[in-house]
Amino acid sequence: MLRGRVIGNIWASKRLDEVPNGAFLEVEVEPGGARLIAFDVLGSGVGEHVLVATGSVAAAWFPGQAPPIDALIIGSIDESSSGF
């Protein structure tokens, strides 16, 4: 699981039918600053700190045949004692 901050929206005018309703967001991973695109079903916004599951864990969240998604926002961080 990764911790990150949403830094932007990704707009796609076309997508595969297998991809459920939700948004693609650009997330900056903390610490380090690497960036990734994560699928969001929670309604996260720019500036929000989030938890991201990746790989088969992210794909397994979807019922039935998993869509081609390998990063999924699974939580919103309200407060942390780690200093981030």
N, C-alpha and C. Protein backbone atom coordinates (compact mmCIF):
# COMPACT_ATOMS: atom_id res chain seq x y z
N MET A 1 0.85 -1.17 0.00
CA MET A 1 0.00 0.00 0.00
C MET A 1 0.89 1.23 0.00
N LEU A 2 0.45 2.24 -0.73
CA LEU A 2 1.20 3.48 -0.84
C LEU A 2 0.41 4.63 -0.25
N ARG A 3 1.13 5.61 0.21
CA ARG A 3 0.53 6.83 0.71
C ARG A 3 0.88 7.94 -0.28
N GLY A 4 -0.09 8.78 -0.61
CA GLY A 4 0.19 9.83 -1.57
C GLY A 4 -0.77 10.99 -1.45
N ARG A 5 -0.58 11.95 -2.36
CA ARG A 5 -1.42 13.15 -2.41
C ARG A 5 -1.91 13.31 -3.84
N VAL A 6 -3.21 13.53 -3.98
CA VAL A 6 -3.80 13.74 -5.32
C VAL A 6 -3.32 15.10 -5.84
N ILE A 7 -2.73 15.08 -7.04
CA ILE A 7 -2.20 16.33 -7.61
C ILE A 7 -2.92 16.74 -8.88
N GLY A 8 -3.81 15.90 -9.39
CA GLY A 8 -4.53 16.29 -10.59
C GLY A 8 -5.52 15.25 -11.06
N ASN A 9 -6.39 15.69 -11.96
CA ASN A 9 -7.37 14.82 -12.60
C ASN A 9 -6.85 14.40 -13.96
N ILE A 10 -7.21 13.21 -14.37
CA ILE A 10 -6.88 12.73 -15.72
C ILE A 10 -8.20 12.60 -16.47
N TRP A 11 -8.33 13.30 -17.57
CA TRP A 11 -9.57 13.28 -18.34
C TRP A 11 -9.40 12.35 -19.52
N ALA A 12 -10.35 11.44 -19.69
CA ALA A 12 -10.34 10.50 -20.81
C ALA A 12 -11.71 10.53 -21.48
N SER A 13 -11.75 10.89 -22.73
CA SER A 13 -13.03 10.96 -23.42
C SER A 13 -13.53 9.57 -23.84
N LYS A 14 -12.63 8.60 -23.86
CA LYS A 14 -13.00 7.23 -24.20
C LYS A 14 -12.35 6.30 -23.18
N ARG A 15 -13.06 5.22 -22.84
CA ARG A 15 -12.48 4.22 -21.96
C ARG A 15 -13.11 2.87 -22.25
N LEU A 16 -12.46 1.81 -21.83
CA LEU A 16 -12.97 0.46 -22.04
C LEU A 16 -14.27 0.25 -21.28
N ASP A 17 -15.15 -0.56 -21.83
CA ASP A 17 -16.42 -0.86 -21.17
C ASP A 17 -16.22 -1.56 -19.84
N GLU A 18 -15.11 -2.28 -19.68
CA GLU A 18 -14.81 -3.02 -18.46
C GLU A 18 -14.48 -2.13 -17.26
N VAL A 19 -14.16 -0.87 -17.53
CA VAL A 19 -13.79 0.06 -16.46
C VAL A 19 -15.07 0.64 -15.86
N PRO A 20 -15.30 0.43 -14.55
CA PRO A 20 -16.53 0.92 -13.92
C PRO A 20 -16.53 2.45 -13.76
N ASN A 21 -17.61 2.97 -13.23
CA ASN A 21 -17.69 4.41 -12.97
C ASN A 21 -16.67 4.80 -11.91
N GLY A 22 -16.04 5.91 -12.12
CA GLY A 22 -15.02 6.41 -11.22
C GLY A 22 -14.14 7.38 -11.98
N ALA A 23 -13.10 7.86 -11.33
CA ALA A 23 -12.22 8.84 -11.94
C ALA A 23 -10.77 8.36 -11.90
N PHE A 24 -10.01 8.81 -12.87
CA PHE A 24 -8.57 8.58 -12.87
C PHE A 24 -7.91 9.84 -12.30
N LEU A 25 -7.07 9.66 -11.30
CA LEU A 25 -6.40 10.77 -10.65
C LEU A 25 -4.89 10.57 -10.67
N GLU A 26 -4.16 11.67 -10.80
CA GLU A 26 -2.70 11.61 -10.69
C GLU A 26 -2.34 11.77 -9.22
N VAL A 27 -1.53 10.84 -8.73
CA VAL A 27 -1.15 10.81 -7.32
C VAL A 27 0.37 10.89 -7.21
N GLU A 28 0.84 11.76 -6.32
CA GLU A 28 2.27 11.85 -6.02
C GLU A 28 2.52 11.03 -4.76
N VAL A 29 3.35 10.01 -4.89
CA VAL A 29 3.63 9.10 -3.79
C VAL A 29 4.54 9.78 -2.77
N GLU A 30 4.24 9.59 -1.48
CA GLU A 30 5.03 10.16 -0.39
C GLU A 30 5.73 9.05 0.36
N PRO A 31 6.96 9.19 0.75
CA PRO A 31 7.92 10.20 0.30
C PRO A 31 8.50 9.82 -1.06
N GLY A 32 9.21 10.71 -1.67
CA GLY A 32 9.91 10.40 -2.90
C GLY A 32 9.42 11.14 -4.11
N GLY A 33 8.14 11.39 -4.20
CA GLY A 33 7.63 12.18 -5.30
C GLY A 33 7.33 11.44 -6.58
N ALA A 34 7.45 10.10 -6.60
CA ALA A 34 7.07 9.36 -7.81
C ALA A 34 5.59 9.61 -8.07
N ARG A 35 5.20 9.56 -9.33
CA ARG A 35 3.80 9.82 -9.68
C ARG A 35 3.18 8.59 -10.34
N LEU A 36 1.89 8.41 -10.10
CA LEU A 36 1.17 7.32 -10.74
C LEU A 36 -0.27 7.75 -10.99
N ILE A 37 -0.95 7.00 -11.84
CA ILE A 37 -2.36 7.22 -12.10
C ILE A 37 -3.12 6.16 -11.34
N ALA A 38 -4.08 6.59 -10.52
CA ALA A 38 -4.87 5.67 -9.70
C ALA A 38 -6.35 5.86 -10.00
N PHE A 39 -7.09 4.77 -9.95
CA PHE A 39 -8.53 4.82 -10.15
C PHE A 39 -9.20 5.13 -8.81
N ASP A 40 -10.18 6.01 -8.83
CA ASP A 40 -10.82 6.46 -7.59
C ASP A 40 -12.33 6.29 -7.67
N VAL A 41 -12.91 5.59 -6.70
CA VAL A 41 -14.36 5.45 -6.60
C VAL A 41 -14.89 6.19 -5.36
N LEU A 42 -13.99 6.84 -4.61
CA LEU A 42 -14.37 7.52 -3.37
C LEU A 42 -14.76 8.98 -3.56
N GLY A 43 -14.36 9.58 -4.67
CA GLY A 43 -14.61 10.99 -4.88
C GLY A 43 -13.52 11.88 -4.31
N SER A 44 -12.29 11.40 -4.31
CA SER A 44 -11.16 12.17 -3.78
C SER A 44 -10.90 13.41 -4.64
N GLY A 45 -10.33 14.44 -4.01
CA GLY A 45 -10.06 15.67 -4.72
C GLY A 45 -8.60 16.06 -4.68
N VAL A 46 -8.24 17.03 -5.52
CA VAL A 46 -6.87 17.53 -5.58
C VAL A 46 -6.47 18.05 -4.21
N GLY A 47 -5.27 17.67 -3.76
CA GLY A 47 -4.74 18.08 -2.47
C GLY A 47 -5.01 17.09 -1.36
N GLU A 48 -5.90 16.15 -1.60
CA GLU A 48 -6.26 15.17 -0.57
C GLU A 48 -5.18 14.09 -0.44
N HIS A 49 -4.91 13.69 0.78
CA HIS A 49 -3.96 12.60 1.05
C HIS A 49 -4.73 11.29 1.03
N VAL A 50 -4.19 10.30 0.32
CA VAL A 50 -4.92 9.06 0.08
C VAL A 50 -4.02 7.83 0.29
N LEU A 51 -4.68 6.68 0.45
CA LEU A 51 -4.01 5.39 0.46
C LEU A 51 -4.30 4.71 -0.87
N VAL A 52 -3.27 4.10 -1.47
CA VAL A 52 -3.42 3.48 -2.78
C VAL A 52 -2.96 2.03 -2.70
N ALA A 53 -3.82 1.12 -3.14
CA ALA A 53 -3.45 -0.28 -3.29
C ALA A 53 -3.03 -0.48 -4.74
N THR A 54 -2.03 -1.33 -4.96
CA THR A 54 -1.52 -1.53 -6.32
C THR A 54 -1.51 -3.01 -6.68
N GLY A 55 -1.34 -3.26 -7.98
CA GLY A 55 -1.19 -4.62 -8.48
C GLY A 55 -2.43 -5.46 -8.34
N SER A 56 -2.23 -6.74 -8.05
CA SER A 56 -3.35 -7.68 -7.98
C SER A 56 -4.32 -7.35 -6.86
N VAL A 57 -3.84 -6.70 -5.80
CA VAL A 57 -4.73 -6.29 -4.70
C VAL A 57 -5.75 -5.28 -5.22
N ALA A 58 -5.31 -4.33 -6.02
CA ALA A 58 -6.22 -3.34 -6.59
C ALA A 58 -7.22 -3.99 -7.53
N ALA A 59 -6.74 -4.85 -8.40
CA ALA A 59 -7.62 -5.50 -9.38
C ALA A 59 -8.63 -6.42 -8.70
N ALA A 60 -8.25 -7.05 -7.60
CA ALA A 60 -9.14 -8.00 -6.93
C ALA A 60 -10.32 -7.33 -6.25
N TRP A 61 -10.29 -6.04 -6.05
CA TRP A 61 -11.39 -5.33 -5.41
C TRP A 61 -12.66 -5.37 -6.26
N PHE A 62 -12.49 -5.42 -7.58
CA PHE A 62 -13.62 -5.38 -8.49
C PHE A 62 -14.27 -6.77 -8.61
N PRO A 63 -15.60 -6.84 -8.53
CA PRO A 63 -16.26 -8.14 -8.67
C PRO A 63 -16.18 -8.65 -10.12
N GLY A 64 -16.23 -9.95 -10.26
CA GLY A 64 -16.17 -10.54 -11.60
C GLY A 64 -14.80 -10.42 -12.21
N GLN A 65 -14.77 -10.29 -13.52
CA GLN A 65 -13.48 -10.15 -14.21
C GLN A 65 -12.91 -8.77 -13.93
N ALA A 66 -11.69 -8.74 -13.44
CA ALA A 66 -11.05 -7.48 -13.06
C ALA A 66 -10.76 -6.62 -14.28
N PRO A 67 -11.08 -5.31 -14.20
CA PRO A 67 -10.72 -4.41 -15.29
C PRO A 67 -9.20 -4.16 -15.28
N PRO A 68 -8.66 -3.60 -16.35
CA PRO A 68 -7.21 -3.37 -16.43
C PRO A 68 -6.78 -2.17 -15.58
N ILE A 69 -6.91 -2.30 -14.28
CA ILE A 69 -6.55 -1.23 -13.34
C ILE A 69 -5.58 -1.81 -12.33
N ASP A 70 -4.42 -1.16 -12.15
CA ASP A 70 -3.44 -1.70 -11.20
C ASP A 70 -3.09 -0.73 -10.07
N ALA A 71 -3.86 0.36 -9.92
CA ALA A 71 -3.70 1.27 -8.78
C ALA A 71 -5.09 1.79 -8.43
N LEU A 72 -5.48 1.61 -7.16
CA LEU A 72 -6.82 1.95 -6.71
C LEU A 72 -6.75 2.73 -5.40
N ILE A 73 -7.40 3.87 -5.37
CA ILE A 73 -7.47 4.65 -4.12
C ILE A 73 -8.48 3.95 -3.22
N ILE A 74 -8.00 3.52 -2.03
CA ILE A 74 -8.85 2.75 -1.12
C ILE A 74 -9.17 3.50 0.16
N GLY A 75 -8.61 4.66 0.36
CA GLY A 75 -8.89 5.40 1.58
C GLY A 75 -8.42 6.83 1.50
N SER A 76 -9.04 7.66 2.34
CA SER A 76 -8.67 9.07 2.46
C SER A 76 -8.06 9.26 3.84
N ILE A 77 -6.90 9.89 3.92
CA ILE A 77 -6.21 10.10 5.18
C ILE A 77 -6.66 11.44 5.76
N ASP A 78 -7.32 11.38 6.92
CA ASP A 78 -7.80 12.60 7.56
C ASP A 78 -6.72 13.24 8.43
N GLU A 79 -5.95 12.41 9.12
CA GLU A 79 -4.94 12.91 10.03
C GLU A 79 -3.85 11.86 10.18
N SER A 80 -2.62 12.29 10.38
CA SER A 80 -1.52 11.37 10.54
C SER A 80 -0.55 11.88 11.58
N SER A 81 0.08 10.97 12.30
CA SER A 81 1.08 11.36 13.28
C SER A 81 2.49 11.23 12.73
N SER A 82 2.64 10.89 11.44
CA SER A 82 3.97 10.66 10.88
C SER A 82 4.66 11.92 10.38
N GLY A 83 3.95 13.04 10.32
CA GLY A 83 4.57 14.28 9.87
C GLY A 83 4.39 14.59 8.41
N PHE A 84 3.68 13.76 7.64
CA PHE A 84 3.45 14.05 6.23
C PHE A 84 2.28 14.97 6.06
